[in-house]
Every structure is written in C-alpha cells, then in structure tokens.
Amino acid sequence: MGWLFKTPSDDATEATLRALHTQNTLDTYYERGKALVLCIIVGFVSALGVSWFEYGTDFSVWENTVNWFLEKIRGWVG
C-alpha cells in the first residue's frame, strides 16, 4: 500500500489519476468559458455606457482619442 493511494493495485492508481486529470480539464474549460462570457458582457456594457455618455454630452471619445492620435502621427511624419 502506498502513501497517497490506499490500494496496492496499479489499476486503481491509474484510474484515480485519470479521474483527477478529467476533473482538472473540465475545471479549466469552465473557468475559461466563464471568463469569455464575462468579457463579452463587460464589453457590451462598456459600449452601451460610452454610447450613453456621448449621447448626453458634446464629448466624443472617438474625436478625443483616435483622431488626436492620428493627428499626432501626421505631425511626427509630416
């Protein structure tokens, strides 16, 4: 009998290790899937929040970030 496994059979040890591996694989898929769904939800909510903010004010995220960056690049190049 071993220290970790309470049976002298190698087949039982292999079955236990296989079960642990399967559970670990399923756990990894669950965590990655949960993270993907959370990223999609947070991205959608962020897009709605930015859209609402731009609609309620004269502030435009596009004009103040992307266009500013493009003008900086044009200033450096030309």
N, C-alpha and C. Protein backbone atom coordinates (compact mmCIF):
# COMPACT_ATOMS: atom_id res chain seq x y z
N MET A 1 0.84 -1.18 0.00
CA MET A 1 0.00 0.00 0.00
C MET A 1 0.88 1.24 0.00
N GLY A 2 0.43 2.20 -0.78
CA GLY A 2 1.21 3.42 -0.88
C GLY A 2 0.76 4.48 0.10
N TRP A 3 1.47 5.57 0.07
CA TRP A 3 1.17 6.68 0.98
C TRP A 3 -0.08 7.44 0.52
N LEU A 4 -0.17 7.70 -0.79
CA LEU A 4 -1.27 8.50 -1.30
C LEU A 4 -2.50 7.65 -1.61
N PHE A 5 -2.29 6.55 -2.25
CA PHE A 5 -3.39 5.69 -2.66
C PHE A 5 -3.49 4.53 -1.69
N LYS A 6 -4.68 4.26 -1.21
CA LYS A 6 -4.88 3.26 -0.16
C LYS A 6 -5.15 1.87 -0.72
N THR A 7 -4.67 1.62 -1.92
CA THR A 7 -4.85 0.31 -2.52
C THR A 7 -3.54 -0.13 -3.15
N PRO A 8 -3.23 -1.41 -3.10
CA PRO A 8 -1.97 -1.87 -3.70
C PRO A 8 -2.04 -2.04 -5.21
N SER A 9 -3.20 -1.84 -5.81
CA SER A 9 -3.37 -2.09 -7.22
C SER A 9 -2.93 -0.90 -8.06
N ASP A 10 -2.14 -1.14 -9.10
CA ASP A 10 -1.74 -0.08 -10.02
C ASP A 10 -2.92 0.41 -10.86
N ASP A 11 -3.87 -0.46 -11.14
CA ASP A 11 -5.04 -0.07 -11.93
C ASP A 11 -5.86 0.99 -11.19
N ALA A 12 -6.00 0.84 -9.91
CA ALA A 12 -6.75 1.82 -9.12
C ALA A 12 -6.01 3.16 -9.11
N THR A 13 -4.70 3.12 -9.03
CA THR A 13 -3.92 4.35 -9.05
C THR A 13 -4.09 5.07 -10.39
N GLU A 14 -4.02 4.29 -11.46
CA GLU A 14 -4.17 4.88 -12.78
C GLU A 14 -5.58 5.45 -12.96
N ALA A 15 -6.58 4.76 -12.48
CA ALA A 15 -7.96 5.25 -12.58
C ALA A 15 -8.14 6.53 -11.78
N THR A 16 -7.54 6.59 -10.62
CA THR A 16 -7.64 7.80 -9.79
C THR A 16 -6.97 8.98 -10.47
N LEU A 17 -5.78 8.75 -11.03
CA LEU A 17 -5.08 9.82 -11.74
C LEU A 17 -5.85 10.28 -12.97
N ARG A 18 -6.46 9.33 -13.68
CA ARG A 18 -7.26 9.68 -14.85
C ARG A 18 -8.47 10.51 -14.44
N ALA A 19 -9.12 10.16 -13.35
CA ALA A 19 -10.27 10.92 -12.86
C ALA A 19 -9.86 12.33 -12.44
N LEU A 20 -8.72 12.46 -11.79
CA LEU A 20 -8.22 13.78 -11.39
C LEU A 20 -7.91 14.63 -12.62
N HIS A 21 -7.32 14.01 -13.64
CA HIS A 21 -6.98 14.74 -14.85
C HIS A 21 -8.26 15.20 -15.56
N THR A 22 -9.25 14.32 -15.64
CA THR A 22 -10.51 14.69 -16.29
C THR A 22 -11.18 15.85 -15.56
N GLN A 23 -11.21 15.79 -14.26
CA GLN A 23 -11.83 16.87 -13.48
C GLN A 23 -11.07 18.18 -13.65
N ASN A 24 -9.74 18.12 -13.70
CA ASN A 24 -8.94 19.31 -13.89
C ASN A 24 -9.19 19.91 -15.27
N THR A 25 -9.33 19.06 -16.29
CA THR A 25 -9.61 19.54 -17.64
C THR A 25 -10.97 20.22 -17.70
N LEU A 26 -11.99 19.61 -17.11
CA LEU A 26 -13.32 20.21 -17.09
C LEU A 26 -13.33 21.53 -16.32
N ASP A 27 -12.59 21.59 -15.24
CA ASP A 27 -12.50 22.81 -14.45
C ASP A 27 -11.85 23.94 -15.25
N THR A 28 -10.83 23.60 -16.02
CA THR A 28 -10.16 24.60 -16.86
C THR A 28 -11.11 25.12 -17.93
N TYR A 29 -11.86 24.23 -18.59
CA TYR A 29 -12.83 24.66 -19.59
C TYR A 29 -13.89 25.58 -18.97
N TYR A 30 -14.35 25.23 -17.78
CA TYR A 30 -15.36 26.05 -17.10
C TYR A 30 -14.82 27.44 -16.80
N GLU A 31 -13.59 27.52 -16.28
CA GLU A 31 -13.02 28.83 -15.94
C GLU A 31 -12.81 29.68 -17.19
N ARG A 32 -12.32 29.08 -18.26
CA ARG A 32 -12.11 29.84 -19.50
C ARG A 32 -13.44 30.29 -20.10
N GLY A 33 -14.43 29.43 -20.08
CA GLY A 33 -15.75 29.79 -20.61
C GLY A 33 -16.39 30.90 -19.81
N LYS A 34 -16.27 30.82 -18.49
CA LYS A 34 -16.82 31.87 -17.63
C LYS A 34 -16.12 33.20 -17.89
N ALA A 35 -14.82 33.17 -18.08
CA ALA A 35 -14.07 34.40 -18.36
C ALA A 35 -14.47 34.98 -19.71
N LEU A 36 -14.68 34.13 -20.71
CA LEU A 36 -15.07 34.61 -22.03
C LEU A 36 -16.44 35.28 -21.97
N VAL A 37 -17.40 34.65 -21.31
CA VAL A 37 -18.73 35.22 -21.19
C VAL A 37 -18.67 36.54 -20.42
N LEU A 38 -17.88 36.60 -19.37
CA LEU A 38 -17.74 37.84 -18.60
C LEU A 38 -17.13 38.95 -19.45
N CYS A 39 -16.13 38.64 -20.26
CA CYS A 39 -15.52 39.65 -21.15
C CYS A 39 -16.54 40.18 -22.15
N ILE A 40 -17.36 39.29 -22.70
CA ILE A 40 -18.37 39.74 -23.67
C ILE A 40 -19.39 40.64 -23.00
N ILE A 41 -19.84 40.27 -21.82
CA ILE A 41 -20.83 41.09 -21.10
C ILE A 41 -20.25 42.44 -20.72
N VAL A 42 -19.04 42.46 -20.19
CA VAL A 42 -18.41 43.72 -19.79
C VAL A 42 -18.15 44.60 -21.02
N GLY A 43 -17.74 44.02 -22.12
CA GLY A 43 -17.54 44.79 -23.35
C GLY A 43 -18.82 45.42 -23.85
N PHE A 44 -19.91 44.65 -23.82
CA PHE A 44 -21.20 45.16 -24.25
C PHE A 44 -21.69 46.29 -23.35
N VAL A 45 -21.57 46.10 -22.05
CA VAL A 45 -21.99 47.14 -21.09
C VAL A 45 -21.12 48.39 -21.25
N SER A 46 -19.83 48.20 -21.46
CA SER A 46 -18.95 49.36 -21.66
C SER A 46 -19.32 50.13 -22.92
N ALA A 47 -19.61 49.41 -24.00
CA ALA A 47 -20.02 50.08 -25.24
C ALA A 47 -21.31 50.85 -25.04
N LEU A 48 -22.26 50.26 -24.32
CA LEU A 48 -23.51 50.98 -24.05
C LEU A 48 -23.26 52.20 -23.17
N GLY A 49 -22.38 52.07 -22.19
CA GLY A 49 -22.07 53.19 -21.31
C GLY A 49 -21.42 54.34 -22.05
N VAL A 50 -20.47 54.04 -22.91
CA VAL A 50 -19.79 55.08 -23.70
C VAL A 50 -20.78 55.73 -24.66
N SER A 51 -21.64 54.91 -25.28
CA SER A 51 -22.65 55.45 -26.19
C SER A 51 -23.60 56.39 -25.46
N TRP A 52 -24.04 55.99 -24.27
CA TRP A 52 -24.94 56.83 -23.48
C TRP A 52 -24.24 58.14 -23.09
N PHE A 53 -22.98 58.05 -22.69
CA PHE A 53 -22.25 59.25 -22.28
C PHE A 53 -22.08 60.21 -23.45
N GLU A 54 -21.73 59.68 -24.63
CA GLU A 54 -21.56 60.55 -25.79
C GLU A 54 -22.89 61.16 -26.23
N TYR A 55 -23.97 60.43 -26.08
CA TYR A 55 -25.28 60.96 -26.47
C TYR A 55 -25.71 62.10 -25.55
N GLY A 56 -25.39 62.00 -24.27
CA GLY A 56 -25.82 63.00 -23.31
C GLY A 56 -24.95 64.24 -23.25
N THR A 57 -23.76 64.21 -23.83
CA THR A 57 -22.84 65.35 -23.78
C THR A 57 -22.31 65.64 -25.17
N ASP A 58 -21.54 66.71 -25.28
CA ASP A 58 -20.89 67.04 -26.55
C ASP A 58 -19.51 66.41 -26.65
N PHE A 59 -19.16 65.58 -25.71
CA PHE A 59 -17.86 64.93 -25.66
C PHE A 59 -17.87 63.68 -26.53
N SER A 60 -16.91 63.54 -27.43
CA SER A 60 -16.83 62.37 -28.29
C SER A 60 -15.53 61.63 -28.01
N VAL A 61 -15.66 60.39 -27.60
CA VAL A 61 -14.48 59.58 -27.30
C VAL A 61 -13.65 59.39 -28.56
N TRP A 62 -14.30 59.17 -29.71
CA TRP A 62 -13.58 58.95 -30.96
C TRP A 62 -12.75 60.18 -31.33
N GLU A 63 -13.36 61.35 -31.28
CA GLU A 63 -12.64 62.56 -31.67
C GLU A 63 -11.50 62.88 -30.70
N ASN A 64 -11.70 62.59 -29.42
CA ASN A 64 -10.69 62.96 -28.44
C ASN A 64 -9.61 61.91 -28.25
N THR A 65 -9.74 60.77 -28.83
CA THR A 65 -8.68 59.75 -28.70
C THR A 65 -8.09 59.37 -30.04
N VAL A 66 -8.89 58.74 -30.89
CA VAL A 66 -8.37 58.22 -32.16
C VAL A 66 -7.94 59.35 -33.08
N ASN A 67 -8.79 60.35 -33.25
CA ASN A 67 -8.40 61.46 -34.14
C ASN A 67 -7.20 62.23 -33.58
N TRP A 68 -7.12 62.37 -32.27
CA TRP A 68 -5.96 63.03 -31.66
C TRP A 68 -4.69 62.23 -31.96
N PHE A 69 -4.78 60.91 -31.83
CA PHE A 69 -3.62 60.06 -32.10
C PHE A 69 -3.21 60.15 -33.57
N LEU A 70 -4.19 60.15 -34.48
CA LEU A 70 -3.86 60.26 -35.90
C LEU A 70 -3.21 61.60 -36.22
N GLU A 71 -3.69 62.68 -35.62
CA GLU A 71 -3.07 63.99 -35.84
C GLU A 71 -1.63 64.02 -35.30
N LYS A 72 -1.40 63.38 -34.16
CA LYS A 72 -0.04 63.30 -33.62
C LYS A 72 0.88 62.55 -34.59
N ILE A 73 0.41 61.46 -35.14
CA ILE A 73 1.20 60.68 -36.10
C ILE A 73 1.49 61.51 -37.34
N ARG A 74 0.47 62.21 -37.84
CA ARG A 74 0.67 63.06 -39.01
C ARG A 74 1.66 64.19 -38.71
N GLY A 75 1.62 64.71 -37.48
CA GLY A 75 2.57 65.74 -37.08
C GLY A 75 4.00 65.22 -37.00
N TRP A 76 4.17 63.98 -36.55
CA TRP A 76 5.50 63.39 -36.48
C TRP A 76 6.05 63.05 -37.86
N VAL A 77 5.16 62.59 -38.74
CA VAL A 77 5.59 62.15 -40.08
C VAL A 77 5.80 63.35 -40.99
N GLY A 78 4.86 64.28 -40.98
CA GLY A 78 4.92 65.37 -41.95
C GLY A 78 5.36 66.60 -41.36
